[in-house]
Amino acid sequence: NSQASEPLPSIADVVALVKPSVVAINTTVTVSSPFLGPATEEG
């Protein structure tokens, strides 16, 4: 945006505008333990 946009009326309006574009990311990774061996961790 090359020009400054007008502020929205409230924080709730900002959240309502932005939230549909925000995503949750979940990952899995294998880790090794000298006692338990390989295990899967989630992030």
PDB file of all heavy atoms in Angstrom:
ATOM      1  N   ASN A   1       0.845  -1.185   0.000  1.00  0.00           N
ATOM      2  CA  ASN A   1       0.000   0.000   0.000  1.00  0.00           C
ATOM      3  C   ASN A   1       0.881   1.236   0.000  1.00  0.00           C
ATOM      4  O   ASN A   1       1.660   1.456   0.918  1.00  0.00           O
ATOM      5  CB  ASN A   1      -0.913  -0.017   1.237  1.00  0.00           C
ATOM      6  CG  ASN A   1      -2.005   1.055   1.152  1.00  0.00           C
ATOM      7  OD1 ASN A   1      -2.188   1.678   0.113  1.00  0.00           O
ATOM      8  ND2 ASN A   1      -2.716   1.247   2.248  1.00  0.00           N
ATOM      9  N   SER A   2       0.796   2.019  -1.054  1.00  0.00           N
ATOM     10  CA  SER A   2       1.668   3.188  -1.186  1.00  0.00           C
ATOM     11  C   SER A   2       1.169   4.398  -0.415  1.00  0.00           C
ATOM     12  O   SER A   2       1.889   5.379  -0.249  1.00  0.00           O
ATOM     13  CB  SER A   2       1.820   3.556  -2.669  1.00  0.00           C
ATOM     14  OG  SER A   2       0.551   3.852  -3.241  1.00  0.00           O
ATOM     15  N   GLN A   3      -0.071   4.357   0.057  1.00  0.00           N
ATOM     16  CA  GLN A   3      -0.617   5.477   0.806  1.00  0.00           C
ATOM     17  C   GLN A   3      -1.157   4.993   2.151  1.00  0.00           C
ATOM     18  O   GLN A   3      -1.625   3.865   2.265  1.00  0.00           O
ATOM     19  CB  GLN A   3      -1.746   6.158   0.028  1.00  0.00           C
ATOM     20  CG  GLN A   3      -1.275   6.782  -1.291  1.00  0.00           C
ATOM     21  CD  GLN A   3      -2.406   7.476  -2.023  1.00  0.00           C
ATOM     22  OE1 GLN A   3      -3.576   7.310  -1.675  1.00  0.00           O
ATOM     23  NE2 GLN A   3      -2.064   8.251  -3.034  1.00  0.00           N
ATOM     24  N   ALA A   4      -1.086   5.844   3.141  1.00  0.00           N
ATOM     25  CA  ALA A   4      -1.555   5.485   4.473  1.00  0.00           C
ATOM     26  C   ALA A   4      -3.064   5.256   4.461  1.00  0.00           C
ATOM     27  O   ALA A   4      -3.821   6.079   3.947  1.00  0.00           O
ATOM     28  CB  ALA A   4      -1.205   6.572   5.484  1.00  0.00           C
ATOM     29  N   SER A   5      -3.507   4.113   5.011  1.00  0.00           N
ATOM     30  CA  SER A   5      -4.933   3.802   5.075  1.00  0.00           C
ATOM     31  C   SER A   5      -5.536   4.382   6.340  1.00  0.00           C
ATOM     32  O   SER A   5      -4.852   4.590   7.342  1.00  0.00           O
ATOM     33  CB  SER A   5      -5.143   2.279   5.058  1.00  0.00           C
ATOM     34  OG  SER A   5      -4.633   1.714   3.875  1.00  0.00           O
ATOM     35  N   GLU A   6      -6.840   4.635   6.282  1.00  0.00           N
ATOM     36  CA  GLU A   6      -7.530   5.173   7.448  1.00  0.00           C
ATOM     37  C   GLU A   6      -7.691   4.095   8.512  1.00  0.00           C
ATOM     38  O   GLU A   6      -8.019   2.945   8.189  1.00  0.00           O
ATOM     39  CB  GLU A   6      -8.908   5.703   7.047  1.00  0.00           C
ATOM     40  CG  GLU A   6      -8.877   6.971   6.215  1.00  0.00           C
ATOM     41  CD  GLU A   6      -8.289   8.146   6.980  1.00  0.00           C
ATOM     42  OE1 GLU A   6      -8.566   8.258   8.196  1.00  0.00           O
ATOM     43  OE2 GLU A   6      -7.549   8.927   6.371  1.00  0.00           O
ATOM     44  N   PRO A   7      -7.478   4.432   9.774  1.00  0.00           N
ATOM     45  CA  PRO A   7      -7.684   3.453  10.857  1.00  0.00           C
ATOM     46  C   PRO A   7      -9.133   2.994  10.906  1.00  0.00           C
ATOM     47  O   PRO A   7     -10.050   3.753  10.604  1.00  0.00           O
ATOM     48  CB  PRO A   7      -7.313   4.235  12.120  1.00  0.00           C
ATOM     49  CG  PRO A   7      -6.473   5.375  11.646  1.00  0.00           C
ATOM     50  CD  PRO A   7      -6.987   5.723  10.281  1.00  0.00           C
ATOM     51  N   LEU A   8      -9.310   1.716  11.292  1.00  0.00           N
ATOM     52  CA  LEU A   8     -10.661   1.192  11.454  1.00  0.00           C
ATOM     53  C   LEU A   8     -11.250   1.679  12.773  1.00  0.00           C
ATOM     54  O   LEU A   8     -10.511   2.070  13.694  1.00  0.00           O
ATOM     55  CB  LEU A   8     -10.625  -0.335  11.396  1.00  0.00           C
ATOM     56  CG  LEU A   8     -10.203  -0.901  10.024  1.00  0.00           C
ATOM     57  CD1 LEU A   8      -9.986  -2.393  10.108  1.00  0.00           C
ATOM     58  CD2 LEU A   8     -11.240  -0.567   8.975  1.00  0.00           C
ATOM     59  N   PRO A   9     -12.589   1.658  12.915  1.00  0.00           N
ATOM     60  CA  PRO A   9     -13.227   2.239  14.105  1.00  0.00           C
ATOM     61  C   PRO A   9     -12.811   1.626  15.427  1.00  0.00           C
ATOM     62  O   PRO A   9     -12.754   2.320  16.440  1.00  0.00           O
ATOM     63  CB  PRO A   9     -14.728   2.000  13.844  1.00  0.00           C
ATOM     64  CG  PRO A   9     -14.842   1.908  12.368  1.00  0.00           C
ATOM     65  CD  PRO A   9     -13.571   1.219  11.918  1.00  0.00           C
ATOM     66  N   SER A  10     -12.516   0.307  15.457  1.00  0.00           N
ATOM     67  CA  SER A  10     -12.167  -0.320  16.729  1.00  0.00           C
ATOM     68  C   SER A  10     -11.235  -1.495  16.498  1.00  0.00           C
ATOM     69  O   SER A  10     -11.053  -1.956  15.365  1.00  0.00           O
ATOM     70  CB  SER A  10     -13.434  -0.800  17.460  1.00  0.00           C
ATOM     71  OG  SER A  10     -13.952  -1.959  16.827  1.00  0.00           O
ATOM     72  N   ILE A  11     -10.632  -1.986  17.590  1.00  0.00           N
ATOM     73  CA  ILE A  11      -9.772  -3.164  17.508  1.00  0.00           C
ATOM     74  C   ILE A  11     -10.554  -4.361  16.965  1.00  0.00           C
ATOM     75  O   ILE A  11     -10.021  -5.164  16.188  1.00  0.00           O
ATOM     76  CB  ILE A  11      -9.194  -3.512  18.900  1.00  0.00           C
ATOM     77  CG1 ILE A  11      -8.302  -2.377  19.418  1.00  0.00           C
ATOM     78  CG2 ILE A  11      -8.426  -4.824  18.856  1.00  0.00           C
ATOM     79  CD1 ILE A  11      -7.022  -2.202  18.636  1.00  0.00           C
ATOM     80  N   ALA A  12     -11.826  -4.483  17.345  1.00  0.00           N
ATOM     81  CA  ALA A  12     -12.663  -5.592  16.871  1.00  0.00           C
ATOM     82  C   ALA A  12     -12.774  -5.584  15.354  1.00  0.00           C
ATOM     83  O   ALA A  12     -12.787  -6.640  14.709  1.00  0.00           O
ATOM     84  CB  ALA A  12     -14.051  -5.530  17.511  1.00  0.00           C
ATOM     85  N   ASP A  13     -12.837  -4.398  14.749  1.00  0.00           N
ATOM     86  CA  ASP A  13     -12.912  -4.302  13.296  1.00  0.00           C
ATOM     87  C   ASP A  13     -11.595  -4.738  12.661  1.00  0.00           C
ATOM     88  O   ASP A  13     -11.589  -5.367  11.596  1.00  0.00           O
ATOM     89  CB  ASP A  13     -13.249  -2.866  12.879  1.00  0.00           C
ATOM     90  CG  ASP A  13     -14.647  -2.451  13.307  1.00  0.00           C
ATOM     91  OD1 ASP A  13     -15.591  -3.212  13.045  1.00  0.00           O
ATOM     92  OD2 ASP A  13     -14.788  -1.378  13.915  1.00  0.00           O
ATOM     93  N   VAL A  14     -10.482  -4.420  13.302  1.00  0.00           N
ATOM     94  CA  VAL A  14      -9.171  -4.842  12.806  1.00  0.00           C
ATOM     95  C   VAL A  14      -9.087  -6.364  12.825  1.00  0.00           C
ATOM     96  O   VAL A  14      -8.688  -6.993  11.836  1.00  0.00           O
ATOM     97  CB  VAL A  14      -8.043  -4.237  13.655  1.00  0.00           C
ATOM     98  CG1 VAL A  14      -6.687  -4.773  13.204  1.00  0.00           C
ATOM     99  CG2 VAL A  14      -8.065  -2.714  13.569  1.00  0.00           C
ATOM    100  N   VAL A  15      -9.476  -6.964  13.937  1.00  0.00           N
ATOM    101  CA  VAL A  15      -9.419  -8.415  14.071  1.00  0.00           C
ATOM    102  C   VAL A  15     -10.334  -9.089  13.054  1.00  0.00           C
ATOM    103  O   VAL A  15      -9.963 -10.082  12.408  1.00  0.00           O
ATOM    104  CB  VAL A  15      -9.789  -8.856  15.505  1.00  0.00           C
ATOM    105  CG1 VAL A  15      -9.844 -10.378  15.600  1.00  0.00           C
ATOM    106  CG2 VAL A  15      -8.783  -8.294  16.501  1.00  0.00           C
ATOM    107  N   ALA A  16     -11.540  -8.544  12.870  1.00  0.00           N
ATOM    108  CA  ALA A  16     -12.496  -9.121  11.923  1.00  0.00           C
ATOM    109  C   ALA A  16     -11.949  -9.085  10.499  1.00  0.00           C
ATOM    110  O   ALA A  16     -12.198  -9.991   9.697  1.00  0.00           O
ATOM    111  CB  ALA A  16     -13.830  -8.377  11.998  1.00  0.00           C
ATOM    112  N   LEU A  17     -11.174  -8.048  10.182  1.00  0.00           N
ATOM    113  CA  LEU A  17     -10.597  -7.913   8.853  1.00  0.00           C
ATOM    114  C   LEU A  17      -9.417  -8.865   8.644  1.00  0.00           C
ATOM    115  O   LEU A  17      -9.280  -9.485   7.576  1.00  0.00           O
ATOM    116  CB  LEU A  17     -10.131  -6.469   8.640  1.00  0.00           C
ATOM    117  CG  LEU A  17      -9.415  -6.169   7.315  1.00  0.00           C
ATOM    118  CD1 LEU A  17     -10.363  -6.362   6.130  1.00  0.00           C
ATOM    119  CD2 LEU A  17      -8.847  -4.752   7.328  1.00  0.00           C
ATOM    120  N   VAL A  18      -8.577  -9.010   9.657  1.00  0.00           N
ATOM    121  CA  VAL A  18      -7.319  -9.742   9.509  1.00  0.00           C
ATOM    122  C   VAL A  18      -7.458 -11.236   9.777  1.00  0.00           C
ATOM    123  O   VAL A  18      -6.844 -12.063   9.089  1.00  0.00           O
ATOM    124  CB  VAL A  18      -6.249  -9.139  10.443  1.00  0.00           C
ATOM    125  CG1 VAL A  18      -4.964  -9.949  10.407  1.00  0.00           C
ATOM    126  CG2 VAL A  18      -5.982  -7.687  10.065  1.00  0.00           C
ATOM    127  N   LYS A  19      -8.265 -11.628  10.748  1.00  0.00           N
ATOM    128  CA  LYS A  19      -8.335 -13.015  11.209  1.00  0.00           C
ATOM    129  C   LYS A  19      -8.602 -14.035  10.096  1.00  0.00           C
ATOM    130  O   LYS A  19      -7.999 -15.121  10.104  1.00  0.00           O
ATOM    131  CB  LYS A  19      -9.396 -13.141  12.306  1.00  0.00           C
ATOM    132  CG  LYS A  19      -9.454 -14.519  12.974  1.00  0.00           C
ATOM    133  CD  LYS A  19     -10.406 -14.465  14.183  1.00  0.00           C
ATOM    134  CE  LYS A  19     -10.549 -15.844  14.830  1.00  0.00           C
ATOM    135  NZ  LYS A  19     -11.370 -16.759  14.004  1.00  0.00           N
ATOM    136  N   PRO A  20      -9.456 -13.764   9.093  1.00  0.00           N
ATOM    137  CA  PRO A  20      -9.683 -14.761   8.034  1.00  0.00           C
ATOM    138  C   PRO A  20      -8.426 -15.100   7.226  1.00  0.00           C
ATOM    139  O   PRO A  20      -8.395 -16.128   6.546  1.00  0.00           O
ATOM    140  CB  PRO A  20     -10.742 -14.100   7.144  1.00  0.00           C
ATOM    141  CG  PRO A  20     -11.460 -13.150   8.061  1.00  0.00           C
ATOM    142  CD  PRO A  20     -10.382 -12.615   8.960  1.00  0.00           C
ATOM    143  N   SER A  21      -7.409 -14.254   7.306  1.00  0.00           N
ATOM    144  CA  SER A  21      -6.181 -14.474   6.547  1.00  0.00           C
ATOM    145  C   SER A  21      -5.078 -15.109   7.368  1.00  0.00           C
ATOM    146  O   SER A  21      -3.996 -15.374   6.838  1.00  0.00           O
ATOM    147  CB  SER A  21      -5.688 -13.138   5.983  1.00  0.00           C
ATOM    148  OG  SER A  21      -6.662 -12.541   5.153  1.00  0.00           O
ATOM    149  N   VAL A  22      -5.316 -15.354   8.652  1.00  0.00           N
ATOM    150  CA  VAL A  22      -4.309 -15.942   9.533  1.00  0.00           C
ATOM    151  C   VAL A  22      -4.552 -17.443   9.634  1.00  0.00           C
ATOM    152  O   VAL A  22      -5.695 -17.882   9.781  1.00  0.00           O
ATOM    153  CB  VAL A  22      -4.341 -15.291  10.929  1.00  0.00           C
ATOM    154  CG1 VAL A  22      -3.255 -15.887  11.833  1.00  0.00           C
ATOM    155  CG2 VAL A  22      -4.151 -13.774  10.809  1.00  0.00           C
ATOM    156  N   VAL A  23      -3.478 -18.222   9.546  1.00  0.00           N
ATOM    157  CA  VAL A  23      -3.604 -19.679   9.559  1.00  0.00           C
ATOM    158  C   VAL A  23      -2.849 -20.279  10.738  1.00  0.00           C
ATOM    159  O   VAL A  23      -1.917 -19.666  11.267  1.00  0.00           O
ATOM    160  CB  VAL A  23      -3.075 -20.302   8.250  1.00  0.00           C
ATOM    161  CG1 VAL A  23      -3.834 -19.743   7.057  1.00  0.00           C
ATOM    162  CG2 VAL A  23      -1.571 -20.086   8.098  1.00  0.00           C
ATOM    163  N   ALA A  24      -3.286 -21.475  11.143  1.00  0.00           N
ATOM    164  CA  ALA A  24      -2.557 -22.252  12.151  1.00  0.00           C
ATOM    165  C   ALA A  24      -1.684 -23.258  11.412  1.00  0.00           C
ATOM    166  O   ALA A  24      -2.117 -23.900  10.459  1.00  0.00           O
ATOM    167  CB  ALA A  24      -3.532 -22.974  13.075  1.00  0.00           C
ATOM    168  N   ILE A  25      -0.435 -23.370  11.845  1.00  0.00           N
ATOM    169  CA  ILE A  25       0.511 -24.295  11.231  1.00  0.00           C
ATOM    170  C   ILE A  25       0.899 -25.346  12.258  1.00  0.00           C
ATOM    171  O   ILE A  25       1.326 -25.002  13.376  1.00  0.00           O
ATOM    172  CB  ILE A  25       1.764 -23.549  10.729  1.00  0.00           C
ATOM    173  CG1 ILE A  25       1.371 -22.547   9.639  1.00  0.00           C
ATOM    174  CG2 ILE A  25       2.815 -24.532  10.220  1.00  0.00           C
ATOM    175  CD1 ILE A  25       2.512 -21.663   9.174  1.00  0.00           C
ATOM    176  N   ASN A  26       0.732 -26.629  11.891  1.00  0.00           N
ATOM    177  CA  ASN A  26       1.102 -27.728  12.778  1.00  0.00           C
ATOM    178  C   ASN A  26       2.158 -28.589  12.102  1.00  0.00           C
ATOM    179  O   ASN A  26       2.061 -28.883  10.909  1.00  0.00           O
ATOM    180  CB  ASN A  26      -0.121 -28.576  13.150  1.00  0.00           C
ATOM    181  CG  ASN A  26      -1.118 -27.806  13.997  1.00  0.00           C
ATOM    182  OD1 ASN A  26      -2.042 -27.183  13.467  1.00  0.00           O
ATOM    183  ND2 ASN A  26      -0.938 -27.820  15.301  1.00  0.00           N
ATOM    184  N   THR A  27       3.153 -28.975  12.858  1.00  0.00           N
ATOM    185  CA  THR A  27       4.269 -29.738  12.298  1.00  0.00           C
ATOM    186  C   THR A  27       4.531 -30.992  13.111  1.00  0.00           C
ATOM    187  O   THR A  27       4.160 -31.080  14.287  1.00  0.00           O
ATOM    188  CB  THR A  27       5.554 -28.888  12.295  1.00  0.00           C
ATOM    189  OG1 THR A  27       5.928 -28.574  13.646  1.00  0.00           O
ATOM    190  CG2 THR A  27       5.361 -27.603  11.519  1.00  0.00           C
ATOM    191  N   THR A  28       5.198 -31.956  12.470  1.00  0.00           N
ATOM    192  CA  THR A  28       5.680 -33.135  13.182  1.00  0.00           C
ATOM    193  C   THR A  28       7.151 -33.312  12.848  1.00  0.00           C
ATOM    194  O   THR A  28       7.585 -33.035  11.725  1.00  0.00           O
ATOM    195  CB  THR A  28       4.920 -34.421  12.782  1.00  0.00           C
ATOM    196  OG1 THR A  28       5.102 -34.665  11.383  1.00  0.00           O
ATOM    197  CG2 THR A  28       3.447 -34.294  13.101  1.00  0.00           C
ATOM    198  N   VAL A  29       7.899 -33.754  13.838  1.00  0.00           N
ATOM    199  CA  VAL A  29       9.318 -34.001  13.655  1.00  0.00           C
ATOM    200  C   VAL A  29       9.721 -35.197  14.501  1.00  0.00           C
ATOM    201  O   VAL A  29       9.195 -35.391  15.608  1.00  0.00           O
ATOM    202  CB  VAL A  29      10.155 -32.752  14.039  1.00  0.00           C
ATOM    203  CG1 VAL A  29       9.929 -32.361  15.483  1.00  0.00           C
ATOM    204  CG2 VAL A  29      11.624 -32.974  13.749  1.00  0.00           C
ATOM    205  N   THR A  30      10.616 -36.014  14.001  1.00  0.00           N
ATOM    206  CA  THR A  30      11.100 -37.181  14.740  1.00  0.00           C
ATOM    207  C   THR A  30      12.352 -36.805  15.515  1.00  0.00           C
ATOM    208  O   THR A  30      13.295 -36.242  14.955  1.00  0.00           O
ATOM    209  CB  THR A  30      11.418 -38.350  13.798  1.00  0.00           C
ATOM    210  OG1 THR A  30      10.220 -38.712  13.100  1.00  0.00           O
ATOM    211  CG2 THR A  30      11.938 -39.549  14.572  1.00  0.00           C
ATOM    212  N   VAL A  31      12.342 -37.102  16.807  1.00  0.00           N
ATOM    213  CA  VAL A  31      13.507 -36.835  17.653  1.00  0.00           C
ATOM    214  C   VAL A  31      13.982 -38.152  18.259  1.00  0.00           C
ATOM    215  O   VAL A  31      13.219 -39.100  18.403  1.00  0.00           O
ATOM    216  CB  VAL A  31      13.169 -35.822  18.761  1.00  0.00           C
ATOM    217  CG1 VAL A  31      12.786 -34.484  18.171  1.00  0.00           C
ATOM    218  CG2 VAL A  31      12.038 -36.349  19.651  1.00  0.00           C
ATOM    219  N   SER A  32      15.248 -38.184  18.607  1.00  0.00           N
ATOM    220  CA  SER A  32      15.823 -39.401  19.189  1.00  0.00           C
ATOM    221  C   SER A  32      16.210 -39.167  20.639  1.00  0.00           C
ATOM    222  O   SER A  32      16.730 -38.110  20.989  1.00  0.00           O
ATOM    223  CB  SER A  32      17.059 -39.830  18.392  1.00  0.00           C
ATOM    224  OG  SER A  32      16.690 -40.213  17.085  1.00  0.00           O
ATOM    225  N   SER A  33      15.935 -40.178  21.471  1.00  0.00           N
ATOM    226  CA  SER A  33      16.316 -40.142  22.877  1.00  0.00           C
ATOM    227  C   SER A  33      17.178 -41.371  23.168  1.00  0.00           C
ATOM    228  O   SER A  33      16.860 -42.476  22.721  1.00  0.00           O
ATOM    229  CB  SER A  33      15.065 -40.159  23.771  1.00  0.00           C
ATOM    230  OG  SER A  33      15.415 -40.472  25.105  1.00  0.00           O
ATOM    231  N   PRO A  34      18.272 -41.202  23.904  1.00  0.00           N
ATOM    232  CA  PRO A  34      19.128 -42.356  24.212  1.00  0.00           C
ATOM    233  C   PRO A  34      18.421 -43.404  25.062  1.00  0.00           C
ATOM    234  O   PRO A  34      18.840 -44.552  25.125  1.00  0.00           O
ATOM    235  CB  PRO A  34      20.294 -41.721  24.974  1.00  0.00           C
ATOM    236  CG  PRO A  34      19.775 -40.418  25.468  1.00  0.00           C
ATOM    237  CD  PRO A  34      18.786 -39.958  24.458  1.00  0.00           C
ATOM    238  N   PHE A  35      17.307 -43.025  25.720  1.00  0.00           N
ATOM    239  CA  PHE A  35      16.587 -43.945  26.596  1.00  0.00           C
ATOM    240  C   PHE A  35      15.304 -44.469  25.952  1.00  0.00           C
ATOM    241  O   PHE A  35      14.945 -45.635  26.114  1.00  0.00           O
ATOM    242  CB  PHE A  35      16.250 -43.271  27.929  1.00  0.00           C
ATOM    243  CG  PHE A  35      17.449 -42.715  28.636  1.00  0.00           C
ATOM    244  CD1 PHE A  35      17.696 -41.351  28.644  1.00  0.00           C
ATOM    245  CD2 PHE A  35      18.353 -43.565  29.287  1.00  0.00           C
ATOM    246  CE1 PHE A  35      18.801 -40.844  29.290  1.00  0.00           C
ATOM    247  CE2 PHE A  35      19.462 -43.054  29.927  1.00  0.00           C
ATOM    248  CZ  PHE A  35      19.693 -41.694  29.928  1.00  0.00           C
ATOM    249  N   LEU A  36      14.590 -43.600  25.208  1.00  0.00           N
ATOM    250  CA  LEU A  36      13.290 -43.970  24.644  1.00  0.00           C
ATOM    251  C   LEU A  36      13.351 -44.254  23.146  1.00  0.00           C
ATOM    252  O   LEU A  36      12.400 -44.757  22.574  1.00  0.00           O
ATOM    253  CB  LEU A  36      12.275 -42.850  24.906  1.00  0.00           C
ATOM    254  CG  LEU A  36      12.043 -42.495  26.381  1.00  0.00           C
ATOM    255  CD1 LEU A  36      11.078 -41.316  26.489  1.00  0.00           C
ATOM    256  CD2 LEU A  36      11.515 -43.706  27.154  1.00  0.00           C
ATOM    257  N   GLY A  37      14.459 -43.937  22.521  1.00  0.00           N
ATOM    258  CA  GLY A  37      14.575 -44.131  21.083  1.00  0.00           C
ATOM    259  C   GLY A  37      13.845 -43.052  20.307  1.00  0.00           C
ATOM    260  O   GLY A  37      13.533 -41.989  20.831  1.00  0.00           O
ATOM    261  N   PRO A  38      13.556 -43.308  19.018  1.00  0.00           N
ATOM    262  CA  PRO A  38      12.885 -42.301  18.209  1.00  0.00           C
ATOM    263  C   PRO A  38      11.460 -42.017  18.703  1.00  0.00           C
ATOM    264  O   PRO A  38      10.751 -42.935  19.107  1.00  0.00           O
ATOM    265  CB  PRO A  38      12.877 -42.888  16.803  1.00  0.00           C
ATOM    266  CG  PRO A  38      13.460 -44.246  16.894  1.00  0.00           C
ATOM    267  CD  PRO A  38      13.852 -44.519  18.304  1.00  0.00           C
ATOM    268  N   ALA A  39      11.073 -40.763  18.648  1.00  0.00           N
ATOM    269  CA  ALA A  39       9.722 -40.348  19.036  1.00  0.00           C
ATOM    270  C   ALA A  39       9.296 -39.193  18.144  1.00  0.00           C
ATOM    271  O   ALA A  39      10.120 -38.455  17.614  1.00  0.00           O
ATOM    272  CB  ALA A  39       9.686 -39.933  20.510  1.00  0.00           C
ATOM    273  N   THR A  40       7.984 -39.061  17.981  1.00  0.00           N
ATOM    274  CA  THR A  40       7.446 -37.984  17.155  1.00  0.00           C
ATOM    275  C   THR A  40       6.967 -36.837  18.036  1.00  0.00           C
ATOM    276  O   THR A  40       6.205 -37.047  18.985  1.00  0.00           O
ATOM    277  CB  THR A  40       6.269 -38.486  16.289  1.00  0.00           C
ATOM    278  OG1 THR A  40       6.737 -39.518  15.425  1.00  0.00           O
ATOM    279  CG2 THR A  40       5.694 -37.362  15.460  1.00  0.00           C
ATOM    280  N   GLU A  41       7.446 -35.653  17.725  1.00  0.00           N
ATOM    281  CA  GLU A  41       7.018 -34.453  18.447  1.00  0.00           C
ATOM    282  C   GLU A  41       6.180 -33.583  17.524  1.00  0.00           C
ATOM    283  O   GLU A  41       6.420 -33.531  16.314  1.00  0.00           O
ATOM    284  CB  GLU A  41       8.226 -33.659  18.949  1.00  0.00           C
ATOM    285  CG  GLU A  41       8.925 -34.284  20.131  1.00  0.00           C
ATOM    286  CD  GLU A  41       9.986 -33.365  20.719  1.00  0.00           C
ATOM    287  OE1 GLU A  41      10.239 -32.288  20.117  1.00  0.00           O
ATOM    288  OE2 GLU A  41      10.563 -33.719  21.762  1.00  0.00           O
ATOM    289  N   GLU A  42       5.205 -32.899  18.121  1.00  0.00           N
ATOM    290  CA  GLU A  42       4.359 -31.994  17.355  1.00  0.00           C
ATOM    291  C   GLU A  42       4.656 -30.553  17.742  1.00  0.00           C
ATOM    292  O   GLU A  42       4.997 -30.263  18.884  1.00  0.00           O
ATOM    293  CB  GLU A  42       2.878 -32.301  17.592  1.00  0.00           C
ATOM    294  CG  GLU A  42       2.469 -33.699  17.122  1.00  0.00           C
ATOM    295  CD  GLU A  42       0.995 -33.975  17.335  1.00  0.00           C
ATOM    296  OE1 GLU A  42       0.349 -33.200  18.080  1.00  0.00           O
ATOM    297  OE2 GLU A  42       0.495 -34.954  16.763  1.00  0.00           O
ATOM    298  N   GLY A  43       4.552 -29.682  16.779  1.00  0.00           N
ATOM    299  CA  GLY A  43       4.761 -28.271  17.020  1.00  0.00           C
ATOM    300  C   GLY A  43       3.637 -27.450  16.427  1.00  0.00           C
ATOM    301  O   GLY A  43       2.904 -27.915  15.544  1.00  0.00           O
TER     302      GLY A  43
END
